[in-house]
Amino acid sequence: MVNLTRRFFDTLDRRGHEDVLAGIEGTLRFDLSHDGDIEHWTVAIRYGALHLTQEWHEADCVVQTTRSLFDRFASGAANPWSAWLRYQIRIRGKFILFSYFARLFPGPSDARHPRAFSDEGVAQ
């Protein structure tokens, strides 16, 4: 079975820089429960440059959830904000870091750009 969480973080690590995080500096740690264990992923953001490790480190923002739910975020099948509103994830520390990081999750596979949707109703 494919570990979507690992694939997501590996992809971020290979890219190494994210323009949407260009003005951000801080560290996030994801504590993901799975089969009675806790899997840690630490992401250091330095003005768009990313450094990832699968180790526990002190962090400015700590996100706790299950790995199965994070897999769904990583695939676009679940929205992290909806999960947060349903108390399925816990965010401690600098919440703003997670709000920027969440932009890196893919959207749903059937999502369409809002402009394309609004242009359908416009007569040409």
N, C-alpha and C. Protein backbone atom coordinates (compact mmCIF):
# COMPACT_ATOMS: atom_id res chain seq x y z
N MET A 1 0.84 -1.19 0.00
CA MET A 1 0.00 0.00 0.00
C MET A 1 0.88 1.25 0.00
N VAL A 2 0.49 2.23 -0.77
CA VAL A 2 1.26 3.46 -0.91
C VAL A 2 1.08 4.32 0.34
N ASN A 3 2.17 4.82 0.87
CA ASN A 3 2.12 5.74 2.00
C ASN A 3 2.05 7.15 1.42
N LEU A 4 0.85 7.70 1.35
CA LEU A 4 0.65 9.02 0.74
C LEU A 4 1.32 10.13 1.53
N THR A 5 1.41 9.96 2.84
CA THR A 5 2.09 10.96 3.68
C THR A 5 3.56 11.04 3.29
N ARG A 6 4.22 9.88 3.20
CA ARG A 6 5.64 9.87 2.83
C ARG A 6 5.82 10.47 1.43
N ARG A 7 4.96 10.10 0.50
CA ARG A 7 5.07 10.64 -0.86
C ARG A 7 4.93 12.16 -0.85
N PHE A 8 3.97 12.68 -0.08
CA PHE A 8 3.76 14.12 0.02
C PHE A 8 5.02 14.82 0.52
N PHE A 9 5.56 14.33 1.65
CA PHE A 9 6.75 14.96 2.22
C PHE A 9 7.98 14.78 1.33
N ASP A 10 8.12 13.62 0.71
CA ASP A 10 9.25 13.40 -0.21
C ASP A 10 9.19 14.38 -1.38
N THR A 11 8.00 14.61 -1.89
CA THR A 11 7.83 15.56 -3.00
C THR A 11 8.22 16.96 -2.57
N LEU A 12 7.78 17.38 -1.37
CA LEU A 12 8.16 18.70 -0.86
C LEU A 12 9.67 18.80 -0.69
N ASP A 13 10.27 17.74 -0.18
CA ASP A 13 11.71 17.75 0.05
C ASP A 13 12.48 17.87 -1.26
N ARG A 14 12.02 17.19 -2.29
CA ARG A 14 12.69 17.27 -3.60
C ARG A 14 12.56 18.66 -4.20
N ARG A 15 11.40 19.29 -4.03
CA ARG A 15 11.24 20.65 -4.57
C ARG A 15 12.13 21.62 -3.83
N GLY A 16 12.17 21.50 -2.50
CA GLY A 16 13.09 22.31 -1.70
C GLY A 16 12.71 23.76 -1.50
N HIS A 17 11.87 24.33 -2.37
CA HIS A 17 11.47 25.72 -2.23
C HIS A 17 10.02 25.87 -2.69
N GLU A 18 9.26 26.63 -1.93
CA GLU A 18 7.86 26.88 -2.27
C GLU A 18 7.61 28.38 -2.28
N ASP A 19 7.25 28.91 -3.44
CA ASP A 19 7.02 30.35 -3.57
C ASP A 19 5.91 30.85 -2.65
N VAL A 20 4.88 30.03 -2.39
CA VAL A 20 3.78 30.49 -1.53
C VAL A 20 4.22 30.67 -0.08
N LEU A 21 5.42 30.18 0.26
CA LEU A 21 5.96 30.33 1.61
C LEU A 21 7.13 31.30 1.66
N ALA A 22 7.29 32.11 0.61
CA ALA A 22 8.45 32.99 0.49
C ALA A 22 8.59 33.98 1.64
N GLY A 23 7.51 34.41 2.24
CA GLY A 23 7.58 35.37 3.34
C GLY A 23 7.50 34.75 4.71
N ILE A 24 7.65 33.43 4.80
CA ILE A 24 7.40 32.71 6.05
C ILE A 24 8.70 32.12 6.60
N GLU A 25 8.82 32.19 7.92
CA GLU A 25 9.94 31.55 8.61
C GLU A 25 9.39 30.89 9.87
N GLY A 26 9.69 29.62 10.07
CA GLY A 26 9.25 28.90 11.26
C GLY A 26 9.36 27.41 11.05
N THR A 27 9.01 26.68 12.10
CA THR A 27 9.12 25.23 12.07
C THR A 27 7.79 24.61 12.46
N LEU A 28 7.37 23.62 11.68
CA LEU A 28 6.17 22.85 11.99
C LEU A 28 6.58 21.41 12.26
N ARG A 29 5.87 20.79 13.20
CA ARG A 29 6.05 19.36 13.43
C ARG A 29 4.70 18.69 13.33
N PHE A 30 4.64 17.62 12.58
CA PHE A 30 3.43 16.84 12.43
C PHE A 30 3.60 15.56 13.24
N ASP A 31 2.74 15.36 14.23
CA ASP A 31 2.73 14.14 15.03
C ASP A 31 1.54 13.32 14.56
N LEU A 32 1.82 12.24 13.83
CA LEU A 32 0.78 11.46 13.19
C LEU A 32 0.69 10.09 13.84
N SER A 33 -0.45 9.79 14.44
CA SER A 33 -0.62 8.50 15.09
C SER A 33 -0.99 7.44 14.05
N HIS A 34 -0.38 6.24 14.24
CA HIS A 34 -0.61 5.14 13.31
C HIS A 34 -0.24 3.83 14.00
N ASP A 35 -1.18 2.92 14.12
CA ASP A 35 -0.95 1.60 14.71
C ASP A 35 -0.30 1.69 16.09
N GLY A 36 -0.76 2.61 16.91
CA GLY A 36 -0.25 2.73 18.27
C GLY A 36 1.06 3.48 18.41
N ASP A 37 1.64 3.91 17.30
CA ASP A 37 2.90 4.68 17.32
C ASP A 37 2.63 6.11 16.86
N ILE A 38 3.61 6.96 17.09
CA ILE A 38 3.55 8.34 16.61
C ILE A 38 4.67 8.53 15.60
N GLU A 39 4.29 8.96 14.42
CA GLU A 39 5.24 9.24 13.34
C GLU A 39 5.45 10.76 13.32
N HIS A 40 6.69 11.21 13.33
CA HIS A 40 7.00 12.64 13.37
C HIS A 40 7.55 13.09 12.03
N TRP A 41 7.11 14.25 11.60
CA TRP A 41 7.67 14.93 10.43
C TRP A 41 7.89 16.38 10.84
N THR A 42 9.10 16.86 10.70
CA THR A 42 9.41 18.25 11.03
C THR A 42 9.78 18.98 9.75
N VAL A 43 9.15 20.14 9.57
CA VAL A 43 9.37 20.96 8.38
C VAL A 43 9.87 22.33 8.83
N ALA A 44 11.10 22.67 8.47
CA ALA A 44 11.64 23.99 8.74
C ALA A 44 11.45 24.83 7.48
N ILE A 45 10.82 25.98 7.64
CA ILE A 45 10.58 26.89 6.51
C ILE A 45 11.41 28.14 6.74
N ARG A 46 12.22 28.47 5.77
CA ARG A 46 13.05 29.68 5.83
C ARG A 46 12.82 30.46 4.55
N TYR A 47 11.81 31.31 4.58
CA TYR A 47 11.49 32.19 3.44
C TYR A 47 11.33 31.39 2.14
N GLY A 48 10.57 30.33 2.23
CA GLY A 48 10.27 29.51 1.07
C GLY A 48 11.13 28.27 0.94
N ALA A 49 12.34 28.30 1.50
CA ALA A 49 13.20 27.12 1.47
C ALA A 49 12.70 26.12 2.52
N LEU A 50 12.60 24.86 2.13
CA LEU A 50 12.09 23.82 3.02
C LEU A 50 13.18 22.83 3.38
N HIS A 51 13.21 22.47 4.65
CA HIS A 51 14.09 21.39 5.10
C HIS A 51 13.21 20.44 5.90
N LEU A 52 13.13 19.17 5.46
CA LEU A 52 12.27 18.19 6.09
C LEU A 52 13.09 17.09 6.73
N THR A 53 12.58 16.58 7.85
CA THR A 53 13.19 15.44 8.51
C THR A 53 12.07 14.63 9.16
N GLN A 54 12.28 13.36 9.28
CA GLN A 54 11.30 12.51 9.93
C GLN A 54 11.76 12.23 11.35
N GLU A 55 12.01 13.29 12.07
CA GLU A 55 12.47 13.20 13.45
C GLU A 55 11.69 14.20 14.31
N TRP A 56 11.68 13.96 15.61
CA TRP A 56 11.04 14.87 16.55
C TRP A 56 12.00 16.01 16.81
N HIS A 57 11.52 17.24 16.61
CA HIS A 57 12.28 18.44 16.94
C HIS A 57 11.31 19.43 17.57
N GLU A 58 11.83 20.32 18.39
CA GLU A 58 11.01 21.42 18.89
C GLU A 58 10.48 22.17 17.68
N ALA A 59 9.26 22.71 17.79
CA ALA A 59 8.67 23.40 16.64
C ALA A 59 7.82 24.57 17.11
N ASP A 60 7.69 25.55 16.22
CA ASP A 60 6.84 26.70 16.51
C ASP A 60 5.36 26.34 16.44
N CYS A 61 5.03 25.33 15.64
CA CYS A 61 3.66 24.88 15.47
C CYS A 61 3.66 23.35 15.44
N VAL A 62 2.78 22.75 16.24
CA VAL A 62 2.67 21.29 16.28
C VAL A 62 1.26 20.90 15.86
N VAL A 63 1.20 20.00 14.88
CA VAL A 63 -0.08 19.52 14.35
C VAL A 63 -0.19 18.04 14.70
N GLN A 64 -1.29 17.68 15.37
CA GLN A 64 -1.51 16.29 15.77
C GLN A 64 -2.77 15.76 15.09
N THR A 65 -2.64 14.60 14.46
CA THR A 65 -3.77 13.91 13.84
C THR A 65 -3.36 12.47 13.57
N THR A 66 -4.19 11.75 12.86
CA THR A 66 -3.85 10.39 12.47
C THR A 66 -3.16 10.41 11.11
N ARG A 67 -2.34 9.39 10.87
CA ARG A 67 -1.70 9.33 9.56
C ARG A 67 -2.73 9.07 8.47
N SER A 68 -3.77 8.32 8.76
CA SER A 68 -4.77 8.04 7.73
C SER A 68 -5.48 9.32 7.31
N LEU A 69 -5.74 10.23 8.24
CA LEU A 69 -6.36 11.50 7.86
C LEU A 69 -5.36 12.36 7.10
N PHE A 70 -4.09 12.36 7.53
CA PHE A 70 -3.08 13.14 6.81
C PHE A 70 -2.91 12.59 5.39
N ASP A 71 -3.00 11.27 5.22
CA ASP A 71 -2.97 10.69 3.87
C ASP A 71 -4.07 11.30 3.01
N ARG A 72 -5.22 11.52 3.60
CA ARG A 72 -6.35 12.10 2.87
C ARG A 72 -6.08 13.57 2.53
N PHE A 73 -5.41 14.30 3.41
CA PHE A 73 -5.01 15.69 3.08
C PHE A 73 -4.02 15.66 1.91
N ALA A 74 -3.06 14.73 1.99
CA ALA A 74 -2.00 14.65 0.99
C ALA A 74 -2.52 14.26 -0.39
N SER A 75 -3.66 13.60 -0.43
CA SER A 75 -4.23 13.19 -1.72
C SER A 75 -5.31 14.14 -2.22
N GLY A 76 -5.70 15.10 -1.38
CA GLY A 76 -6.77 16.02 -1.76
C GLY A 76 -8.15 15.49 -1.44
N ALA A 77 -8.24 14.33 -0.80
CA ALA A 77 -9.54 13.73 -0.48
C ALA A 77 -10.19 14.35 0.74
N ALA A 78 -9.42 15.06 1.57
CA ALA A 78 -9.96 15.71 2.76
C ALA A 78 -9.38 17.12 2.86
N ASN A 79 -10.14 18.00 3.46
CA ASN A 79 -9.74 19.38 3.64
C ASN A 79 -9.28 19.58 5.09
N PRO A 80 -8.05 20.08 5.30
CA PRO A 80 -7.57 20.24 6.67
C PRO A 80 -8.40 21.21 7.51
N TRP A 81 -8.99 22.21 6.88
CA TRP A 81 -9.80 23.17 7.63
C TRP A 81 -11.10 22.53 8.11
N SER A 82 -11.72 21.73 7.27
CA SER A 82 -12.93 21.02 7.69
C SER A 82 -12.60 20.06 8.82
N ALA A 83 -11.47 19.38 8.72
CA ALA A 83 -11.06 18.45 9.77
C ALA A 83 -10.79 19.20 11.08
N TRP A 84 -10.19 20.36 11.00
CA TRP A 84 -9.92 21.15 12.20
C TRP A 84 -11.23 21.58 12.86
N LEU A 85 -12.20 21.99 12.06
CA LEU A 85 -13.50 22.39 12.61
C LEU A 85 -14.23 21.22 13.27
N ARG A 86 -13.94 20.01 12.81
CA ARG A 86 -14.55 18.81 13.40
C ARG A 86 -13.68 18.22 14.52
N TYR A 87 -12.66 18.94 14.96
CA TYR A 87 -11.76 18.50 16.03
C TYR A 87 -11.02 17.21 15.68
N GLN A 88 -10.73 16.99 14.40
CA GLN A 88 -9.99 15.82 13.98
C GLN A 88 -8.49 16.08 13.94
N ILE A 89 -8.10 17.34 14.00
CA ILE A 89 -6.68 17.68 14.13
C ILE A 89 -6.55 18.71 15.24
N ARG A 90 -5.40 18.69 15.87
CA ARG A 90 -5.10 19.65 16.93
C ARG A 90 -3.89 20.45 16.48
N ILE A 91 -3.99 21.77 16.59
CA ILE A 91 -2.90 22.65 16.18
C ILE A 91 -2.51 23.50 17.39
N ARG A 92 -1.24 23.39 17.79
CA ARG A 92 -0.74 24.17 18.92
C ARG A 92 0.41 25.06 18.45
N GLY A 93 0.53 26.21 19.05
CA GLY A 93 1.63 27.11 18.70
C GLY A 93 1.19 28.14 17.68
N LYS A 94 2.10 28.49 16.80
CA LYS A 94 1.85 29.53 15.80
C LYS A 94 0.95 28.99 14.68
N PHE A 95 -0.33 29.18 14.90
CA PHE A 95 -1.36 28.69 13.98
C PHE A 95 -1.14 29.19 12.56
N ILE A 96 -0.63 30.40 12.42
CA ILE A 96 -0.43 31.01 11.11
C ILE A 96 0.51 30.16 10.23
N LEU A 97 1.48 29.49 10.84
CA LEU A 97 2.38 28.64 10.07
C LEU A 97 1.62 27.51 9.38
N PHE A 98 0.69 26.90 10.11
CA PHE A 98 -0.10 25.84 9.48
C PHE A 98 -1.01 26.40 8.41
N SER A 99 -1.54 27.60 8.63
CA SER A 99 -2.45 28.17 7.63
C SER A 99 -1.72 28.40 6.30
N TYR A 100 -0.46 28.78 6.35
CA TYR A 100 0.32 28.91 5.11
C TYR A 100 0.70 27.55 4.55
N PHE A 101 1.13 26.65 5.42
CA PHE A 101 1.55 25.32 4.97
C PHE A 101 0.39 24.59 4.30
N ALA A 102 -0.82 24.77 4.79
CA ALA A 102 -1.99 24.07 4.24
C ALA A 102 -2.21 24.38 2.77
N ARG A 103 -1.65 25.47 2.28
CA ARG A 103 -1.76 25.80 0.85
C ARG A 103 -1.03 24.80 -0.03
N LEU A 104 -0.16 24.00 0.56
CA LEU A 104 0.62 23.03 -0.20
C LEU A 104 -0.15 21.73 -0.46
N PHE A 105 -1.23 21.52 0.29
CA PHE A 105 -2.03 20.31 0.06
C PHE A 105 -2.78 20.45 -1.26
N PRO A 106 -2.89 19.36 -2.02
CA PRO A 106 -3.63 19.43 -3.28
C PRO A 106 -5.13 19.59 -3.01
N GLY A 107 -5.81 20.14 -3.99
CA GLY A 107 -7.26 20.23 -3.90
C GLY A 107 -7.89 18.91 -4.30
N PRO A 108 -9.20 18.81 -4.20
CA PRO A 108 -9.88 17.59 -4.63
C PRO A 108 -9.62 17.30 -6.10
N SER A 109 -9.61 16.03 -6.46
CA SER A 109 -9.31 15.65 -7.84
C SER A 109 -10.34 16.19 -8.83
N ASP A 110 -11.55 16.45 -8.38
CA ASP A 110 -12.59 16.96 -9.28
C ASP A 110 -12.75 18.48 -9.18
N ALA A 111 -11.79 19.15 -8.52
CA ALA A 111 -11.88 20.60 -8.35
C ALA A 111 -11.64 21.31 -9.68
N ARG A 112 -12.30 22.44 -9.81
CA ARG A 112 -12.10 23.28 -11.00
C ARG A 112 -11.75 24.68 -10.54
N HIS A 113 -11.04 25.39 -11.38
CA HIS A 113 -10.66 26.76 -11.06
C HIS A 113 -11.94 27.61 -11.00
N PRO A 114 -12.09 28.49 -10.01
CA PRO A 114 -13.31 29.30 -9.88
C PRO A 114 -13.60 30.15 -11.11
N ARG A 115 -12.57 30.63 -11.76
CA ARG A 115 -12.79 31.47 -12.94
C ARG A 115 -13.43 30.64 -14.06
N ALA A 116 -12.98 29.41 -14.25
CA ALA A 116 -13.57 28.54 -15.27
C ALA A 116 -15.04 28.30 -14.97
N PHE A 117 -15.36 28.13 -13.70
CA PHE A 117 -16.75 27.91 -13.30
C PHE A 117 -17.60 29.14 -13.58
N SER A 118 -17.09 30.31 -13.24
CA SER A 118 -17.87 31.55 -13.42
C SER A 118 -17.98 31.93 -14.89
N ASP A 119 -16.99 31.56 -15.71
CA ASP A 119 -17.03 31.89 -17.13
C ASP A 119 -18.06 31.07 -17.88
N GLU A 120 -18.49 29.92 -17.32
CA GLU A 120 -19.48 29.09 -17.99
C GLU A 120 -20.81 29.83 -18.15
N GLY A 121 -21.13 30.70 -17.20
CA GLY A 121 -22.41 31.41 -17.25
C GLY A 121 -22.37 32.67 -18.08
N VAL A 122 -21.20 33.03 -18.59
CA VAL A 122 -21.06 34.27 -19.36
C VAL A 122 -21.29 33.96 -20.84
N ALA A 123 -22.20 34.73 -21.45
CA ALA A 123 -22.47 34.55 -22.89
C ALA A 123 -21.28 35.10 -23.68
N GLN A 124 -20.92 34.39 -24.72
CA GLN A 124 -19.79 34.83 -25.53
C GLN A 124 -20.19 35.31 -26.88
